Amino acid sequence: MDAVRFRVLAIEGKRSTNSDIQVGETYVGEANDLRNRVYYTDEAGDDWIFYVDDTCEIIDL
């Protein structure tokens, strides 16, 4: 997997109280080999999967 910078377009699922993830913000995660999913773990330890062109957009590879 490759590190990528991505912007969150939508959040699906529940966030824990301490989660820092926000729509419109940019984060660094890991893209799968097909570059259609981005995996991210937030400060609260919540694991997220974002789908490229659906719930996130890749800014930089």
PDB file of N, CA and C in Angstrom:
ATOM      1  N   MET A   1       0.841  -1.182   0.000  1.00  0.00           N
ATOM      2  CA  MET A   1       0.000   0.000   0.000  1.00  0.00           C
ATOM      3  C   MET A   1       0.885   1.244   0.000  1.00  0.00           C
ATOM      4  N   ASP A   2       0.376   2.290  -0.624  1.00  0.00           N
ATOM      5  CA  ASP A   2       1.112   3.547  -0.724  1.00  0.00           C
ATOM      6  C   ASP A   2       0.455   4.630   0.120  1.00  0.00           C
ATOM      7  N   ALA A   3       1.266   5.473   0.720  1.00  0.00           N
ATOM      8  CA  ALA A   3       0.746   6.609   1.477  1.00  0.00           C
ATOM      9  C   ALA A   3       0.186   7.641   0.499  1.00  0.00           C
ATOM     10  N   VAL A   4      -0.981   8.194   0.817  1.00  0.00           N
ATOM     11  CA  VAL A   4      -1.622   9.218  -0.004  1.00  0.00           C
ATOM     12  C   VAL A   4      -2.216  10.295   0.900  1.00  0.00           C
ATOM     13  N   ARG A   5      -2.313  11.496   0.341  1.00  0.00           N
ATOM     14  CA  ARG A   5      -3.039  12.563   1.022  1.00  0.00           C
ATOM     15  C   ARG A   5      -4.422  12.594   0.391  1.00  0.00           C
ATOM     16  N   PHE A   6      -5.469  12.629   1.223  1.00  0.00           N
ATOM     17  CA  PHE A   6      -6.830  12.571   0.701  1.00  0.00           C
ATOM     18  C   PHE A   6      -7.737  13.543   1.444  1.00  0.00           C
ATOM     19  N   ARG A   7      -8.833  13.928   0.791  1.00  0.00           N
ATOM     20  CA  ARG A   7      -9.840  14.803   1.377  1.00  0.00           C
ATOM     21  C   ARG A   7     -11.108  13.985   1.600  1.00  0.00           C
ATOM     22  N   VAL A   8     -11.679  14.111   2.776  1.00  0.00           N
ATOM     23  CA  VAL A   8     -12.907  13.395   3.124  1.00  0.00           C
ATOM     24  C   VAL A   8     -14.101  14.113   2.491  1.00  0.00           C
ATOM     25  N   LEU A   9     -14.920  13.373   1.739  1.00  0.00           N
ATOM     26  CA  LEU A   9     -16.125  13.913   1.120  1.00  0.00           C
ATOM     27  C   LEU A   9     -17.379  13.550   1.905  1.00  0.00           C
ATOM     28  N   ALA A  10     -17.364  12.416   2.578  1.00  0.00           N
ATOM     29  CA  ALA A  10     -18.509  11.955   3.372  1.00  0.00           C
ATOM     30  C   ALA A  10     -18.016  10.964   4.410  1.00  0.00           C
ATOM     31  N   ILE A  11     -18.739  10.910   5.521  1.00  0.00           N
ATOM     32  CA  ILE A  11     -18.411   9.965   6.587  1.00  0.00           C
ATOM     33  C   ILE A  11     -19.572   8.998   6.737  1.00  0.00           C
ATOM     34  N   GLU A  12     -19.278   7.723   6.583  1.00  0.00           N
ATOM     35  CA  GLU A  12     -20.285   6.682   6.768  1.00  0.00           C
ATOM     36  C   GLU A  12     -19.949   5.919   8.033  1.00  0.00           C
ATOM     37  N   GLY A  13     -20.907   5.690   8.867  1.00  0.00           N
ATOM     38  CA  GLY A  13     -20.670   4.982  10.117  1.00  0.00           C
ATOM     39  C   GLY A  13     -20.553   5.949  11.278  1.00  0.00           C
ATOM     40  N   LYS A  14     -20.465   5.382  12.455  1.00  0.00           N
ATOM     41  CA  LYS A  14     -20.407   6.189  13.672  1.00  0.00           C
ATOM     42  C   LYS A  14     -18.973   6.524  14.030  1.00  0.00           C
ATOM     43  N   ARG A  15     -18.808   7.707  14.591  1.00  0.00           N
ATOM     44  CA  ARG A  15     -17.509   8.139  15.095  1.00  0.00           C
ATOM     45  C   ARG A  15     -17.509   8.017  16.608  1.00  0.00           C
ATOM     46  N   SER A  16     -16.354   7.692  17.174  1.00  0.00           N
ATOM     47  CA  SER A  16     -16.252   7.685  18.630  1.00  0.00           C
ATOM     48  C   SER A  16     -16.187   9.135  19.117  1.00  0.00           C
ATOM     49  N   THR A  17     -16.370   9.332  20.382  1.00  0.00           N
ATOM     50  CA  THR A  17     -16.397  10.672  20.963  1.00  0.00           C
ATOM     51  C   THR A  17     -15.120  11.453  20.679  1.00  0.00           C
ATOM     52  N   ASN A  18     -13.986  10.783  20.682  1.00  0.00           N
ATOM     53  CA  ASN A  18     -12.704  11.461  20.497  1.00  0.00           C
ATOM     54  C   ASN A  18     -12.230  11.519  19.050  1.00  0.00           C
ATOM     55  N   SER A  19     -13.042  11.069  18.119  1.00  0.00           N
ATOM     56  CA  SER A  19     -12.639  11.041  16.716  1.00  0.00           C
ATOM     57  C   SER A  19     -12.421  12.457  16.187  1.00  0.00           C
ATOM     58  N   ASP A  20     -11.352  12.632  15.407  1.00  0.00           N
ATOM     59  CA  ASP A  20     -11.033  13.944  14.847  1.00  0.00           C
ATOM     60  C   ASP A  20     -11.396  14.060  13.368  1.00  0.00           C
ATOM     61  N   ILE A  21     -11.953  13.017  12.774  1.00  0.00           N
ATOM     62  CA  ILE A  21     -12.233  13.005  11.344  1.00  0.00           C
ATOM     63  C   ILE A  21     -13.368  13.980  11.017  1.00  0.00           C
ATOM     64  N   GLN A  22     -13.184  14.774   9.940  1.00  0.00           N
ATOM     65  CA  GLN A  22     -14.201  15.748   9.557  1.00  0.00           C
ATOM     66  C   GLN A  22     -14.297  15.838   8.042  1.00  0.00           C
ATOM     67  N   VAL A  23     -15.515  16.025   7.551  1.00  0.00           N
ATOM     68  CA  VAL A  23     -15.749  16.211   6.122  1.00  0.00           C
ATOM     69  C   VAL A  23     -15.043  17.492   5.676  1.00  0.00           C
ATOM     70  N   GLY A  24     -14.377  17.412   4.533  1.00  0.00           N
ATOM     71  CA  GLY A  24     -13.686  18.557   3.963  1.00  0.00           C
ATOM     72  C   GLY A  24     -12.240  18.693   4.390  1.00  0.00           C
ATOM     73  N   GLU A  25     -11.836  17.956   5.401  1.00  0.00           N
ATOM     74  CA  GLU A  25     -10.457  18.023   5.882  1.00  0.00           C
ATOM     75  C   GLU A  25      -9.571  17.050   5.100  1.00  0.00           C
ATOM     76  N   THR A  26      -8.277  17.313   5.116  1.00  0.00           N
ATOM     77  CA  THR A  26      -7.292  16.505   4.411  1.00  0.00           C
ATOM     78  C   THR A  26      -6.469  15.708   5.415  1.00  0.00           C
ATOM     79  N   TYR A  27      -6.229  14.437   5.094  1.00  0.00           N
ATOM     80  CA  TYR A  27      -5.493  13.526   5.970  1.00  0.00           C
ATOM     81  C   TYR A  27      -4.528  12.700   5.129  1.00  0.00           C
ATOM     82  N   VAL A  28      -3.630  11.990   5.795  1.00  0.00           N
ATOM     83  CA  VAL A  28      -2.718  11.061   5.122  1.00  0.00           C
ATOM     84  C   VAL A  28      -3.122   9.648   5.518  1.00  0.00           C
ATOM     85  N   GLY A  29      -3.379   8.813   4.514  1.00  0.00           N
ATOM     86  CA  GLY A  29      -3.756   7.427   4.748  1.00  0.00           C
ATOM     87  C   GLY A  29      -2.998   6.521   3.795  1.00  0.00           C
ATOM     88  N   GLU A  30      -3.475   5.297   3.667  1.00  0.00           N
ATOM     89  CA  GLU A  30      -2.847   4.329   2.770  1.00  0.00           C
ATOM     90  C   GLU A  30      -3.863   3.865   1.738  1.00  0.00           C
ATOM     91  N   ALA A  31      -3.476   3.942   0.462  1.00  0.00           N
ATOM     92  CA  ALA A  31      -4.341   3.491  -0.626  1.00  0.00           C
ATOM     93  C   ALA A  31      -4.022   2.044  -0.957  1.00  0.00           C
ATOM     94  N   ASN A  32      -5.063   1.284  -1.301  1.00  0.00           N
ATOM     95  CA  ASN A  32      -4.828  -0.090  -1.737  1.00  0.00           C
ATOM     96  C   ASN A  32      -4.199  -0.076  -3.130  1.00  0.00           C
ATOM     97  N   ASP A  33      -3.793  -1.234  -3.621  1.00  0.00           N
ATOM     98  CA  ASP A  33      -3.080  -1.320  -4.897  1.00  0.00           C
ATOM     99  C   ASP A  33      -3.901  -0.800  -6.076  1.00  0.00           C
ATOM    100  N   LEU A  34      -5.216  -0.950  -6.035  1.00  0.00           N
ATOM    101  CA  LEU A  34      -6.073  -0.465  -7.119  1.00  0.00           C
ATOM    102  C   LEU A  34      -6.370   1.026  -6.996  1.00  0.00           C
ATOM    103  N   ARG A  35      -5.978   1.617  -5.881  1.00  0.00           N
ATOM    104  CA  ARG A  35      -6.218   3.029  -5.578  1.00  0.00           C
ATOM    105  C   ARG A  35      -7.702   3.391  -5.593  1.00  0.00           C
ATOM    106  N   ASN A  36      -8.541   2.446  -5.166  1.00  0.00           N
ATOM    107  CA  ASN A  36      -9.964   2.743  -5.071  1.00  0.00           C
ATOM    108  C   ASN A  36     -10.454   2.799  -3.622  1.00  0.00           C
ATOM    109  N   ARG A  37      -9.551   2.528  -2.669  1.00  0.00           N
ATOM    110  CA  ARG A  37      -9.867   2.620  -1.244  1.00  0.00           C
ATOM    111  C   ARG A  37      -8.699   3.267  -0.513  1.00  0.00           C
ATOM    112  N   VAL A  38      -9.048   4.037   0.524  1.00  0.00           N
ATOM    113  CA  VAL A  38      -8.027   4.641   1.384  1.00  0.00           C
ATOM    114  C   VAL A  38      -8.325   4.225   2.813  1.00  0.00           C
ATOM    115  N   TYR A  39      -7.306   3.744   3.491  1.00  0.00           N
ATOM    116  CA  TYR A  39      -7.423   3.311   4.884  1.00  0.00           C
ATOM    117  C   TYR A  39      -6.793   4.370   5.775  1.00  0.00           C
ATOM    118  N   TYR A  40      -7.467   4.684   6.876  1.00  0.00           N
ATOM    119  CA  TYR A  40      -6.995   5.735   7.778  1.00  0.00           C
ATOM    120  C   TYR A  40      -7.380   5.379   9.209  1.00  0.00           C
ATOM    121  N   THR A  41      -6.470   5.609  10.149  1.00  0.00           N
ATOM    122  CA  THR A  41      -6.752   5.448  11.572  1.00  0.00           C
ATOM    123  C   THR A  41      -6.648   6.821  12.209  1.00  0.00           C
ATOM    124  N   ASP A  42      -7.738   7.275  12.845  1.00  0.00           N
ATOM    125  CA  ASP A  42      -7.739   8.618  13.427  1.00  0.00           C
ATOM    126  C   ASP A  42      -7.097   8.637  14.810  1.00  0.00           C
ATOM    127  N   GLU A  43      -7.037   9.818  15.409  1.00  0.00           N
ATOM    128  CA  GLU A  43      -6.387  10.005  16.708  1.00  0.00           C
ATOM    129  C   GLU A  43      -7.044   9.191  17.818  1.00  0.00           C
ATOM    130  N   ALA A  44      -8.326   8.888  17.662  1.00  0.00           N
ATOM    131  CA  ALA A  44      -9.050   8.109  18.669  1.00  0.00           C
ATOM    132  C   ALA A  44      -8.824   6.610  18.504  1.00  0.00           C
ATOM    133  N   GLY A  45      -8.113   6.227  17.438  1.00  0.00           N
ATOM    134  CA  GLY A  45      -7.870   4.812  17.170  1.00  0.00           C
ATOM    135  C   GLY A  45      -8.953   4.159  16.334  1.00  0.00           C
ATOM    136  N   ASP A  46      -9.890   4.963  15.813  1.00  0.00           N
ATOM    137  CA  ASP A  46     -10.940   4.428  14.939  1.00  0.00           C
ATOM    138  C   ASP A  46     -10.357   4.168  13.555  1.00  0.00           C
ATOM    139  N   ASP A  47     -10.628   2.991  13.000  1.00  0.00           N
ATOM    140  CA  ASP A  47     -10.180   2.643  11.655  1.00  0.00           C
ATOM    141  C   ASP A  47     -11.268   3.003  10.656  1.00  0.00           C
ATOM    142  N   TRP A  48     -10.858   3.648   9.562  1.00  0.00           N
ATOM    143  CA  TRP A  48     -11.792   4.094   8.539  1.00  0.00           C
ATOM    144  C   TRP A  48     -11.381   3.537   7.185  1.00  0.00           C
ATOM    145  N   ILE A  49     -12.385   3.284   6.348  1.00  0.00           N
ATOM    146  CA  ILE A  49     -12.150   2.959   4.943  1.00  0.00           C
ATOM    147  C   ILE A  49     -12.945   3.973   4.133  1.00  0.00           C
ATOM    148  N   PHE A  50     -12.252   4.700   3.270  1.00  0.00           N
ATOM    149  CA  PHE A  50     -12.896   5.668   2.391  1.00  0.00           C
ATOM    150  C   PHE A  50     -12.781   5.165   0.960  1.00  0.00           C
ATOM    151  N   TYR A  51     -13.818   5.434   0.162  1.00  0.00           N
ATOM    152  CA  TYR A  51     -13.870   4.969  -1.218  1.00  0.00           C
ATOM    153  C   TYR A  51     -13.618   6.154  -2.147  1.00  0.00           C
ATOM    154  N   VAL A  52     -12.599   6.012  -3.004  1.00  0.00           N
ATOM    155  CA  VAL A  52     -12.182   7.087  -3.894  1.00  0.00           C
ATOM    156  C   VAL A  52     -13.326   7.459  -4.831  1.00  0.00           C
ATOM    157  N   ASP A  53     -13.543   8.756  -4.996  1.00  0.00           N
ATOM    158  CA  ASP A  53     -14.601   9.354  -5.815  1.00  0.00           C
ATOM    159  C   ASP A  53     -15.993   9.098  -5.253  1.00  0.00           C
ATOM    160  N   ASP A  54     -16.083   8.618  -4.024  1.00  0.00           N
ATOM    161  CA  ASP A  54     -17.367   8.438  -3.350  1.00  0.00           C
ATOM    162  C   ASP A  54     -17.317   9.136  -1.993  1.00  0.00           C
ATOM    163  N   THR A  55     -16.519   8.618  -1.083  1.00  0.00           N
ATOM    164  CA  THR A  55     -16.410   9.226   0.243  1.00  0.00           C
ATOM    165  C   THR A  55     -15.093   9.978   0.437  1.00  0.00           C
ATOM    166  N   CYS A  56     -14.193   9.924  -0.568  1.00  0.00           N
ATOM    167  CA  CYS A  56     -12.950  10.707  -0.497  1.00  0.00           C
ATOM    168  C   CYS A  56     -12.422  10.975  -1.891  1.00  0.00           C
ATOM    169  N   GLU A  57     -11.478  11.912  -1.953  1.00  0.00           N
ATOM    170  CA  GLU A  57     -10.737  12.147  -3.187  1.00  0.00           C
ATOM    171  C   GLU A  57      -9.259  12.186  -2.843  1.00  0.00           C
ATOM    172  N   ILE A  58      -8.448  11.591  -3.700  1.00  0.00           N
ATOM    173  CA  ILE A  58      -7.007  11.588  -3.479  1.00  0.00           C
ATOM    174  C   ILE A  58      -6.440  12.919  -3.956  1.00  0.00           C
ATOM    175  N   ILE A  59      -5.651  13.554  -3.086  1.00  0.00           N
ATOM    176  CA  ILE A  59      -5.028  14.839  -3.407  1.00  0.00           C
ATOM    177  C   ILE A  59      -3.633  14.613  -3.985  1.00  0.00           C
ATOM    178  N   ASP A  60      -2.814  13.830  -3.294  1.00  0.00           N
ATOM    179  CA  ASP A  60      -1.443  13.529  -3.718  1.00  0.00           C
ATOM    180  C   ASP A  60      -1.155  12.059  -3.494  1.00  0.00           C
ATOM    181  N   LEU A  61      -0.370  11.493  -4.393  1.00  0.00           N
ATOM    182  CA  LEU A  61       0.075  10.110  -4.223  1.00  0.00           C
ATOM    183  C   LEU A  61       1.413  10.092  -3.543  1.00  0.00           C
TER     184      LEU A  61
END
